[in-house]
Protein backbone atom coordinates (compact mmCIF):
# COMPACT_ATOMS: atom_id res chain seq x y z
CA MET A 1 -9.55 -2.02 -18.42
CA LYS A 2 -8.20 1.54 -18.34
CA THR A 3 -9.96 2.29 -15.02
CA LYS A 4 -8.50 -0.86 -13.47
CA MET A 5 -4.95 0.01 -14.52
CA ILE A 6 -5.16 3.67 -13.48
CA THR A 7 -6.60 2.69 -10.11
CA ALA A 8 -3.90 0.09 -9.50
CA LEU A 9 -1.09 2.45 -10.60
CA LEU A 10 -2.33 5.28 -8.39
CA LEU A 11 -2.67 2.88 -5.43
CA ILE A 12 0.88 1.62 -5.97
CA ILE A 13 2.25 5.16 -5.96
CA SER A 14 0.12 6.05 -2.95
CA ASN A 15 1.36 3.01 -1.07
CA ILE A 16 4.98 3.82 -1.78
CA PHE A 17 4.50 7.18 -0.08
CA MET A 18 2.46 5.61 2.73
CA THR A 19 5.05 2.93 3.47
CA LEU A 20 7.87 5.48 3.44
CA ALA A 21 5.85 7.74 5.75
CA TRP A 22 5.16 4.90 8.19
CA TYR A 23 8.57 3.18 8.19
CA GLY A 24 11.15 5.33 6.37
CA HIS A 25 11.98 7.35 9.48
CA LEU A 26 13.30 4.14 11.09
CA LYS A 27 16.37 4.49 8.85
CA VAL A 28 17.31 7.69 10.71
CA LYS A 29 16.51 6.88 14.34
CA GLN A 30 19.01 9.50 15.49
CA ALA A 31 16.77 12.28 14.13
CA PRO A 32 14.52 13.94 16.71
CA LEU A 33 11.01 12.53 16.93
CA TRP A 34 9.41 15.80 15.86
CA ILE A 35 11.39 15.75 12.62
CA ALA A 36 10.34 12.15 11.96
CA ILE A 37 6.71 13.13 12.55
CA ALA A 38 6.94 16.20 10.30
CA ALA A 39 8.65 14.23 7.53
CA SER A 40 6.05 11.46 7.80
CA TRP A 41 3.21 13.97 7.56
CA GLY A 42 4.89 15.52 4.54
CA LEU A 43 5.04 12.14 2.82
CA ALA A 44 1.45 11.37 3.83
CA PHE A 45 0.36 14.47 1.91
CA PHE A 46 1.71 12.91 -1.29
CA GLU A 47 0.10 9.59 -0.37
CA TYR A 48 -3.29 11.29 -0.32
CA LEU A 49 -2.62 13.07 -3.62
CA PHE A 50 -2.64 9.62 -5.24
CA GLN A 51 -4.95 7.66 -2.92
CA VAL A 52 -7.98 9.94 -3.18
CA PRO A 53 -8.02 9.96 -7.01
CA ALA A 54 -7.38 6.20 -7.03
CA ASN A 55 -10.48 5.58 -4.94
CA ARG A 56 -12.58 8.12 -6.84
CA ILE A 57 -11.62 6.63 -10.21
CA GLY A 58 -11.74 3.05 -8.93
CA SER A 59 -15.21 3.46 -7.45
CA ALA A 60 -16.59 3.68 -10.99
CA ARG A 61 -15.50 0.07 -11.56
CA PHE A 62 -15.07 -1.52 -8.12
CA ASP A 63 -17.17 -1.63 -4.98
CA LEU A 64 -15.69 -0.49 -1.66
CA VAL A 65 -14.68 -3.97 -0.50
CA GLN A 66 -12.90 -4.64 -3.78
CA LEU A 67 -11.03 -1.33 -3.52
CA LYS A 68 -9.98 -2.11 0.06
CA VAL A 69 -8.82 -5.65 -0.67
CA MET A 70 -6.90 -4.44 -3.74
CA GLN A 71 -5.26 -1.72 -1.64
CA GLU A 72 -4.25 -4.21 1.07
CA CYS A 73 -2.67 -6.55 -1.46
CA ILE A 74 -0.77 -3.67 -3.08
CA THR A 75 0.30 -2.49 0.38
CA ILE A 76 1.90 -5.84 1.14
CA ILE A 77 3.75 -5.99 -2.16
CA VAL A 78 5.05 -2.43 -1.74
CA PHE A 79 5.91 -3.05 1.93
CA VAL A 80 7.95 -6.18 1.13
CA ALA A 81 9.85 -4.33 -1.61
CA ILE A 82 10.62 -1.34 0.63
CA ALA A 83 11.48 -3.52 3.64
CA TRP A 84 14.00 -5.33 1.48
CA ALA A 85 15.37 -2.24 -0.27
CA LEU A 86 15.76 -0.05 2.82
CA PHE A 87 16.19 -2.55 5.65
CA ARG A 88 17.31 -5.75 3.92
CA GLN A 89 14.46 -7.63 5.62
CA MET A 90 12.81 -10.46 3.75
CA PRO A 91 9.57 -12.11 4.83
CA ARG A 92 9.78 -15.40 6.74
CA TRP A 93 7.78 -18.49 5.77
CA ASN A 94 4.88 -17.58 8.06
CA ASN A 95 4.73 -14.06 6.58
CA ILE A 96 4.56 -15.57 3.10
CA VAL A 97 1.68 -17.82 4.19
CA SER A 98 -0.19 -14.80 5.56
CA PHE A 99 0.44 -12.91 2.30
CA LEU A 100 -0.91 -15.86 0.32
CA LEU A 101 -4.05 -15.81 2.45
CA ILE A 102 -4.51 -12.13 1.59
CA ILE A 103 -4.09 -12.98 -2.09
CA ALA A 104 -6.78 -15.63 -1.57
CA ALA A 105 -8.97 -12.84 -0.15
CA VAL A 106 -8.45 -10.92 -3.40
CA TYR A 107 -9.52 -13.96 -5.37
CA PHE A 108 -12.68 -14.47 -3.34
CA THR A 109 -13.53 -10.77 -3.33
CA PHE A 110 -13.29 -10.37 -7.08
CA ASN A 111 -14.64 -13.73 -8.24
CA PHE A 112 -17.64 -14.31 -6.00
CA ASN A 113 -19.01 -10.79 -5.82
CA LYS A 114 -22.34 -11.43 -7.50
């Protein structure tokens, strides 16, 4: 249980940095592109500080597909939260359906893996 929780927590933190690196610069479009790139790379460094240990620790409990599907689900949750907090954008009905399908992928990945 401990490995699962540590892996999930590290992936959540990693995805916060990743999402901010990918989309945070859109809040300051007036900044020069080179500054946006440098800031994104700086944030990506912190993403990797959490992502690499998450995958190393998680690989003791999960296979690669399970790690990837877990990461994708966490990415969507973090993305929706940041999109709302920074940009006041909420998902539309079709986005919610696509998210539910990804959650179904998590179910199938973790429950029929034998």
